[in-house]
Amino acid sequence: MNMEVKLDTQSTVAENVVTHAPAGHSAESSLREKIIEHLFVGALMRCLWRRGDRDIEMLRPEVDRGGYDLVLEVNGVARHIQLKSSHREASTSQVNAHVNLTRKPSACIIWILFDPHTVELGPFLWFGGSPREVIVDLGDKVARHSKGNTDGYKAERPHHRVVRKGRFTRLETIEDVADVLFGPAAMPADPCPAG
């Protein structure tokens, strides 16, 4: 009798382990997105500090309507930045961007690739113009909702465009990101670590 109880307990424990196992990247995507964003902002601001940039401001929108996640201004150069992320092993070949992003001066998209196990950042994919230049045209392909309605139909998102991965420029380090965002460092500094 005690043996049966022990087996039932072990069975229940095994079920709990399976049921409460760590969720995958897609199941916890909102949390993962915020972690990646905070790691990225911290690494970039540390890099800017090490470059000698001290005139730094960061703003976040209250609502998700302008097509950007944050605004960084460094030495008078303001960037409206849309952040995207996917782990290095993901097969993601495109991202969606809101057309309102094109209305912002010096807007850009930074696609952060990260290690799925360590969450180490890099490389980075860049889509945008030089400092103080408008963003490159997003293209004409209208994005669709990722989830279908009850009939499986995925409606168009008329204010979003699909930007293919091949249109992005690969940047290896956070220092490369700082350079494309705000131009070369004002003074020589130590290399900026990625994370």
C-alpha atoms as a PDB file:
ATOM      1  CA  MET A   1       0.000   0.000   0.000  1.00  0.00           C
ATOM      2  CA  ASN A   2       2.756   2.441   0.895  1.00  0.00           C
ATOM      3  CA  MET A   3       4.457   1.515  -2.356  1.00  0.00           C
ATOM      4  CA  GLU A   4       1.417   2.625  -4.361  1.00  0.00           C
ATOM      5  CA  VAL A   5       1.284   5.963  -2.581  1.00  0.00           C
ATOM      6  CA  LYS A   6       4.959   6.481  -3.262  1.00  0.00           C
ATOM      7  CA  LEU A   7       4.478   5.699  -6.955  1.00  0.00           C
ATOM      8  CA  ASP A   8       1.494   8.040  -7.139  1.00  0.00           C
ATOM      9  CA  THR A   9       3.586  10.770  -5.510  1.00  0.00           C
ATOM     10  CA  GLN A  10       6.426  10.189  -7.961  1.00  0.00           C
ATOM     11  CA  SER A  11       3.967  10.222 -10.851  1.00  0.00           C
ATOM     12  CA  THR A  12       2.471  13.495  -9.623  1.00  0.00           C
ATOM     13  CA  VAL A  13       5.938  15.009  -9.181  1.00  0.00           C
ATOM     14  CA  ALA A  14       6.868  13.946 -12.738  1.00  0.00           C
ATOM     15  CA  GLU A  15       3.666  15.492 -14.104  1.00  0.00           C
ATOM     16  CA  ASN A  16       4.396  18.740 -12.241  1.00  0.00           C
ATOM     17  CA  VAL A  17       7.937  18.846 -13.593  1.00  0.00           C
ATOM     18  CA  VAL A  18       6.638  18.482 -17.158  1.00  0.00           C
ATOM     19  CA  THR A  19       3.752  20.907 -16.598  1.00  0.00           C
ATOM     20  CA  HIS A  20       5.924  23.539 -14.924  1.00  0.00           C
ATOM     21  CA  ALA A  21       9.016  23.138 -17.083  1.00  0.00           C
ATOM     22  CA  PRO A  22      10.559  26.420 -18.287  1.00  0.00           C
ATOM     23  CA  ALA A  23       8.509  27.805 -21.152  1.00  0.00           C
ATOM     24  CA  GLY A  24      10.031  28.314 -24.578  1.00  0.00           C
ATOM     25  CA  HIS A  25      10.928  31.664 -26.047  1.00  0.00           C
ATOM     26  CA  SER A  26       7.585  32.083 -27.787  1.00  0.00           C
ATOM     27  CA  ALA A  27       5.517  31.220 -24.702  1.00  0.00           C
ATOM     28  CA  GLU A  28       7.230  33.938 -22.670  1.00  0.00           C
ATOM     29  CA  SER A  29       7.847  36.384 -25.510  1.00  0.00           C
ATOM     30  CA  SER A  30       6.654  39.524 -23.678  1.00  0.00           C
ATOM     31  CA  LEU A  31       8.985  38.909 -20.754  1.00  0.00           C
ATOM     32  CA  ARG A  32      11.845  37.981 -23.071  1.00  0.00           C
ATOM     33  CA  GLU A  33      11.249  41.123 -25.140  1.00  0.00           C
ATOM     34  CA  LYS A  34      11.538  43.348 -22.060  1.00  0.00           C
ATOM     35  CA  ILE A  35      14.680  41.558 -20.869  1.00  0.00           C
ATOM     36  CA  ILE A  36      16.306  41.997 -24.292  1.00  0.00           C
ATOM     37  CA  GLU A  37      15.267  45.660 -24.403  1.00  0.00           C
ATOM     38  CA  HIS A  38      16.736  46.394 -20.956  1.00  0.00           C
ATOM     39  CA  LEU A  39      19.957  44.533 -21.732  1.00  0.00           C
ATOM     40  CA  PHE A  40      20.277  46.396 -25.039  1.00  0.00           C
ATOM     41  CA  VAL A  41      19.628  49.846 -23.562  1.00  0.00           C
ATOM     42  CA  GLY A  42      22.047  49.171 -20.704  1.00  0.00           C
ATOM     43  CA  ALA A  43      24.786  47.920 -23.045  1.00  0.00           C
ATOM     44  CA  LEU A  44      24.298  50.850 -25.435  1.00  0.00           C
ATOM     45  CA  MET A  45      24.308  53.475 -22.687  1.00  0.00           C
ATOM     46  CA  ARG A  46      27.409  51.913 -21.124  1.00  0.00           C
ATOM     47  CA  CYS A  47      29.062  51.968 -24.544  1.00  0.00           C
ATOM     48  CA  LEU A  48      28.141  55.632 -25.047  1.00  0.00           C
ATOM     49  CA  TRP A  49      29.529  56.467 -21.607  1.00  0.00           C
ATOM     50  CA  ARG A  50      32.790  54.699 -22.377  1.00  0.00           C
ATOM     51  CA  ARG A  51      33.003  56.578 -25.705  1.00  0.00           C
ATOM     52  CA  GLY A  52      32.850  59.844 -23.818  1.00  0.00           C
ATOM     53  CA  ASP A  53      29.243  60.704 -24.708  1.00  0.00           C
ATOM     54  CA  ARG A  54      27.619  62.318 -21.681  1.00  0.00           C
ATOM     55  CA  ASP A  55      24.746  64.320 -23.227  1.00  0.00           C
ATOM     56  CA  ILE A  56      22.297  61.382 -23.278  1.00  0.00           C
ATOM     57  CA  GLU A  57      18.515  61.369 -22.944  1.00  0.00           C
ATOM     58  CA  MET A  58      16.150  58.428 -23.239  1.00  0.00           C
ATOM     59  CA  LEU A  59      12.375  58.610 -23.624  1.00  0.00           C
ATOM     60  CA  ARG A  60       9.720  55.913 -23.952  1.00  0.00           C
ATOM     61  CA  PRO A  61       6.262  56.421 -25.466  1.00  0.00           C
ATOM     62  CA  GLU A  62       3.196  55.974 -23.261  1.00  0.00           C
ATOM     63  CA  VAL A  63       1.301  54.319 -26.122  1.00  0.00           C
ATOM     64  CA  ASP A  64       2.413  52.108 -28.991  1.00  0.00           C
ATOM     65  CA  ARG A  65       1.243  54.300 -31.864  1.00  0.00           C
ATOM     66  CA  GLY A  66       4.285  56.011 -33.298  1.00  0.00           C
ATOM     67  CA  GLY A  67       6.018  52.862 -34.474  1.00  0.00           C
ATOM     68  CA  TYR A  68       8.970  53.192 -32.099  1.00  0.00           C
ATOM     69  CA  ASP A  69       9.898  51.736 -28.720  1.00  0.00           C
ATOM     70  CA  LEU A  70      12.240  54.419 -27.469  1.00  0.00           C
ATOM     71  CA  VAL A  71      13.870  57.707 -28.336  1.00  0.00           C
ATOM     72  CA  LEU A  72      17.549  58.198 -27.628  1.00  0.00           C
ATOM     73  CA  GLU A  73      19.184  61.571 -28.029  1.00  0.00           C
ATOM     74  CA  VAL A  74      22.952  61.810 -27.849  1.00  0.00           C
ATOM     75  CA  ASN A  75      24.819  65.088 -28.388  1.00  0.00           C
ATOM     76  CA  GLY A  76      21.827  66.601 -30.186  1.00  0.00           C
ATOM     77  CA  VAL A  77      21.147  63.610 -32.478  1.00  0.00           C
ATOM     78  CA  ALA A  78      17.717  62.107 -31.748  1.00  0.00           C
ATOM     79  CA  ARG A  79      16.800  58.585 -32.863  1.00  0.00           C
ATOM     80  CA  HIS A  80      13.321  57.069 -32.777  1.00  0.00           C
ATOM     81  CA  ILE A  81      14.128  53.370 -32.472  1.00  0.00           C
ATOM     82  CA  GLN A  82      11.922  50.376 -33.177  1.00  0.00           C
ATOM     83  CA  LEU A  83      13.393  47.303 -31.504  1.00  0.00           C
ATOM     84  CA  LYS A  84      12.910  43.778 -32.814  1.00  0.00           C
ATOM     85  CA  SER A  85      14.510  40.624 -31.496  1.00  0.00           C
ATOM     86  CA  SER A  86      14.899  36.958 -32.246  1.00  0.00           C
ATOM     87  CA  HIS A  87      17.269  34.307 -31.054  1.00  0.00           C
ATOM     88  CA  ARG A  88      20.182  33.410 -33.303  1.00  0.00           C
ATOM     89  CA  GLU A  89      18.729  30.003 -34.191  1.00  0.00           C
ATOM     90  CA  ALA A  90      15.337  31.412 -35.244  1.00  0.00           C
ATOM     91  CA  SER A  91      14.295  31.198 -38.879  1.00  0.00           C
ATOM     92  CA  THR A  92      12.632  34.627 -38.818  1.00  0.00           C
ATOM     93  CA  SER A  93      13.094  36.233 -42.230  1.00  0.00           C
ATOM     94  CA  GLN A  94      11.167  39.482 -41.821  1.00  0.00           C
ATOM     95  CA  VAL A  95       9.734  41.951 -39.335  1.00  0.00           C
ATOM     96  CA  ASN A  96       6.765  44.290 -39.436  1.00  0.00           C
ATOM     97  CA  ALA A  97       7.159  48.035 -38.978  1.00  0.00           C
ATOM     98  CA  HIS A  98       4.502  50.709 -38.467  1.00  0.00           C
ATOM     99  CA  VAL A  99       4.376  53.351 -41.211  1.00  0.00           C
ATOM    100  CA  ASN A 100       4.339  56.103 -38.556  1.00  0.00           C
ATOM    101  CA  LEU A 101       8.015  55.337 -38.033  1.00  0.00           C
ATOM    102  CA  THR A 102       8.735  57.044 -41.364  1.00  0.00           C
ATOM    103  CA  ARG A 103       7.357  60.321 -39.978  1.00  0.00           C
ATOM    104  CA  LYS A 104       9.994  60.501 -37.275  1.00  0.00           C
ATOM    105  CA  PRO A 105      13.338  62.202 -37.876  1.00  0.00           C
ATOM    106  CA  SER A 106      16.265  59.780 -37.965  1.00  0.00           C
ATOM    107  CA  ALA A 107      14.059  56.781 -37.217  1.00  0.00           C
ATOM    108  CA  CYS A 108      15.503  53.283 -37.450  1.00  0.00           C
ATOM    109  CA  ILE A 109      14.892  49.624 -36.709  1.00  0.00           C
ATOM    110  CA  ILE A 110      17.385  47.608 -34.704  1.00  0.00           C
ATOM    111  CA  TRP A 111      16.877  43.856 -34.859  1.00  0.00           C
ATOM    112  CA  ILE A 112      18.684  42.289 -31.918  1.00  0.00           C
ATOM    113  CA  LEU A 113      19.864  38.718 -32.303  1.00  0.00           C
ATOM    114  CA  PHE A 114      20.677  36.873 -29.099  1.00  0.00           C
ATOM    115  CA  ASP A 115      21.880  33.521 -27.842  1.00  0.00           C
ATOM    116  CA  PRO A 116      18.800  31.443 -26.903  1.00  0.00           C
ATOM    117  CA  HIS A 117      20.552  29.874 -23.888  1.00  0.00           C
ATOM    118  CA  THR A 118      22.635  32.697 -22.393  1.00  0.00           C
ATOM    119  CA  VAL A 119      20.618  35.672 -23.752  1.00  0.00           C
ATOM    120  CA  GLU A 120      23.932  37.220 -24.831  1.00  0.00           C
ATOM    121  CA  LEU A 121      23.236  40.025 -27.312  1.00  0.00           C
ATOM    122  CA  GLY A 122      24.587  40.278 -30.837  1.00  0.00           C
ATOM    123  CA  PRO A 123      24.997  40.478 -33.650  1.00  0.00           C
ATOM    124  CA  PHE A 124      22.587  43.308 -34.477  1.00  0.00           C
ATOM    125  CA  LEU A 125      20.726  44.069 -37.697  1.00  0.00           C
ATOM    126  CA  TRP A 126      20.351  47.712 -38.726  1.00  0.00           C
ATOM    127  CA  PHE A 127      17.733  49.393 -40.913  1.00  0.00           C
ATOM    128  CA  GLY A 128      17.919  53.171 -41.160  1.00  0.00           C
ATOM    129  CA  GLY A 129      19.831  56.136 -42.443  1.00  0.00           C
ATOM    130  CA  SER A 130      22.793  58.113 -41.191  1.00  0.00           C
ATOM    131  CA  PRO A 131      22.335  60.405 -38.186  1.00  0.00           C
ATOM    132  CA  ARG A 132      19.855  63.200 -38.991  1.00  0.00           C
ATOM    133  CA  GLU A 133      18.651  61.385 -42.156  1.00  0.00           C
ATOM    134  CA  VAL A 134      15.181  59.920 -42.638  1.00  0.00           C
ATOM    135  CA  ILE A 135      14.687  56.180 -42.513  1.00  0.00           C
ATOM    136  CA  VAL A 136      15.000  54.192 -45.709  1.00  0.00           C
ATOM    137  CA  ASP A 137      11.628  53.416 -47.369  1.00  0.00           C
ATOM    138  CA  LEU A 138       9.902  50.530 -45.590  1.00  0.00           C
ATOM    139  CA  GLY A 139       8.529  49.094 -48.828  1.00  0.00           C
ATOM    140  CA  ASP A 140       5.025  48.408 -50.094  1.00  0.00           C
ATOM    141  CA  LYS A 141       4.253  44.926 -48.768  1.00  0.00           C
ATOM    142  CA  VAL A 142       1.388  45.269 -46.279  1.00  0.00           C
ATOM    143  CA  ALA A 143       1.742  43.114 -43.170  1.00  0.00           C
ATOM    144  CA  ARG A 144      -0.911  40.700 -41.953  1.00  0.00           C
ATOM    145  CA  HIS A 145      -1.991  39.753 -38.452  1.00  0.00           C
ATOM    146  CA  SER A 146      -0.062  36.777 -37.113  1.00  0.00           C
ATOM    147  CA  LYS A 147      -3.230  35.093 -35.844  1.00  0.00           C
ATOM    148  CA  GLY A 148      -6.251  34.345 -37.972  1.00  0.00           C
ATOM    149  CA  ASN A 149      -9.892  34.929 -37.142  1.00  0.00           C
ATOM    150  CA  THR A 150     -12.267  32.013 -36.467  1.00  0.00           C
ATOM    151  CA  ASP A 151     -12.097  31.106 -40.177  1.00  0.00           C
ATOM    152  CA  GLY A 152      -8.308  31.248 -40.180  1.00  0.00           C
ATOM    153  CA  TYR A 153      -8.218  34.453 -42.252  1.00  0.00           C
ATOM    154  CA  LYS A 154      -5.303  36.728 -41.393  1.00  0.00           C
ATOM    155  CA  ALA A 155      -6.441  40.280 -42.045  1.00  0.00           C
ATOM    156  CA  GLU A 156      -4.141  42.961 -43.381  1.00  0.00           C
ATOM    157  CA  ARG A 157      -2.592  45.492 -41.031  1.00  0.00           C
ATOM    158  CA  PRO A 158      -2.818  48.536 -43.324  1.00  0.00           C
ATOM    159  CA  HIS A 159      -0.451  50.670 -41.234  1.00  0.00           C
ATOM    160  CA  HIS A 160       2.312  48.057 -41.083  1.00  0.00           C
ATOM    161  CA  ARG A 161       4.870  47.064 -43.713  1.00  0.00           C
ATOM    162  CA  VAL A 162       6.955  43.931 -44.034  1.00  0.00           C
ATOM    163  CA  VAL A 163      10.711  44.543 -44.003  1.00  0.00           C
ATOM    164  CA  ARG A 164      12.758  41.538 -45.141  1.00  0.00           C
ATOM    165  CA  LYS A 165      15.913  40.521 -43.299  1.00  0.00           C
ATOM    166  CA  GLY A 166      18.004  40.972 -46.444  1.00  0.00           C
ATOM    167  CA  ARG A 167      17.408  44.740 -46.308  1.00  0.00           C
ATOM    168  CA  PHE A 168      19.147  45.029 -42.937  1.00  0.00           C
ATOM    169  CA  THR A 169      22.873  45.623 -42.420  1.00  0.00           C
ATOM    170  CA  ARG A 170      24.635  43.301 -39.990  1.00  0.00           C
ATOM    171  CA  LEU A 171      26.518  44.969 -37.129  1.00  0.00           C
ATOM    172  CA  GLU A 172      28.757  42.778 -34.998  1.00  0.00           C
ATOM    173  CA  THR A 173      29.160  44.845 -31.831  1.00  0.00           C
ATOM    174  CA  ILE A 174      27.291  47.342 -29.687  1.00  0.00           C
ATOM    175  CA  GLU A 175      30.026  49.839 -30.610  1.00  0.00           C
ATOM    176  CA  ASP A 176      29.017  49.416 -34.269  1.00  0.00           C
ATOM    177  CA  VAL A 177      25.429  50.149 -33.237  1.00  0.00           C
ATOM    178  CA  ALA A 178      26.508  53.317 -31.403  1.00  0.00           C
ATOM    179  CA  ASP A 179      28.453  54.451 -34.468  1.00  0.00           C
ATOM    180  CA  VAL A 180      25.534  54.047 -36.914  1.00  0.00           C
ATOM    181  CA  LEU A 181      23.108  55.643 -34.487  1.00  0.00           C
ATOM    182  CA  PHE A 182      25.127  58.689 -33.475  1.00  0.00           C
ATOM    183  CA  GLY A 183      28.289  58.793 -35.571  1.00  0.00           C
ATOM    184  CA  PRO A 184      31.838  57.964 -34.484  1.00  0.00           C
ATOM    185  CA  ALA A 185      32.916  58.561 -30.916  1.00  0.00           C
ATOM    186  CA  ALA A 186      33.893  62.119 -30.050  1.00  0.00           C
ATOM    187  CA  MET A 187      36.963  60.832 -28.217  1.00  0.00           C
ATOM    188  CA  PRO A 188      38.811  57.507 -28.332  1.00  0.00           C
ATOM    189  CA  ALA A 189      37.638  55.040 -25.743  1.00  0.00           C
ATOM    190  CA  ASP A 190      37.951  51.427 -24.721  1.00  0.00           C
ATOM    191  CA  PRO A 191      35.994  49.010 -26.905  1.00  0.00           C
ATOM    192  CA  CYS A 192      32.392  48.783 -25.766  1.00  0.00           C
ATOM    193  CA  PRO A 193      31.400  45.324 -24.516  1.00  0.00           C
ATOM    194  CA  ALA A 194      28.189  43.754 -25.900  1.00  0.00           C
ATOM    195  CA  GLY A 195      26.625  42.882 -22.582  1.00  0.00           C
END
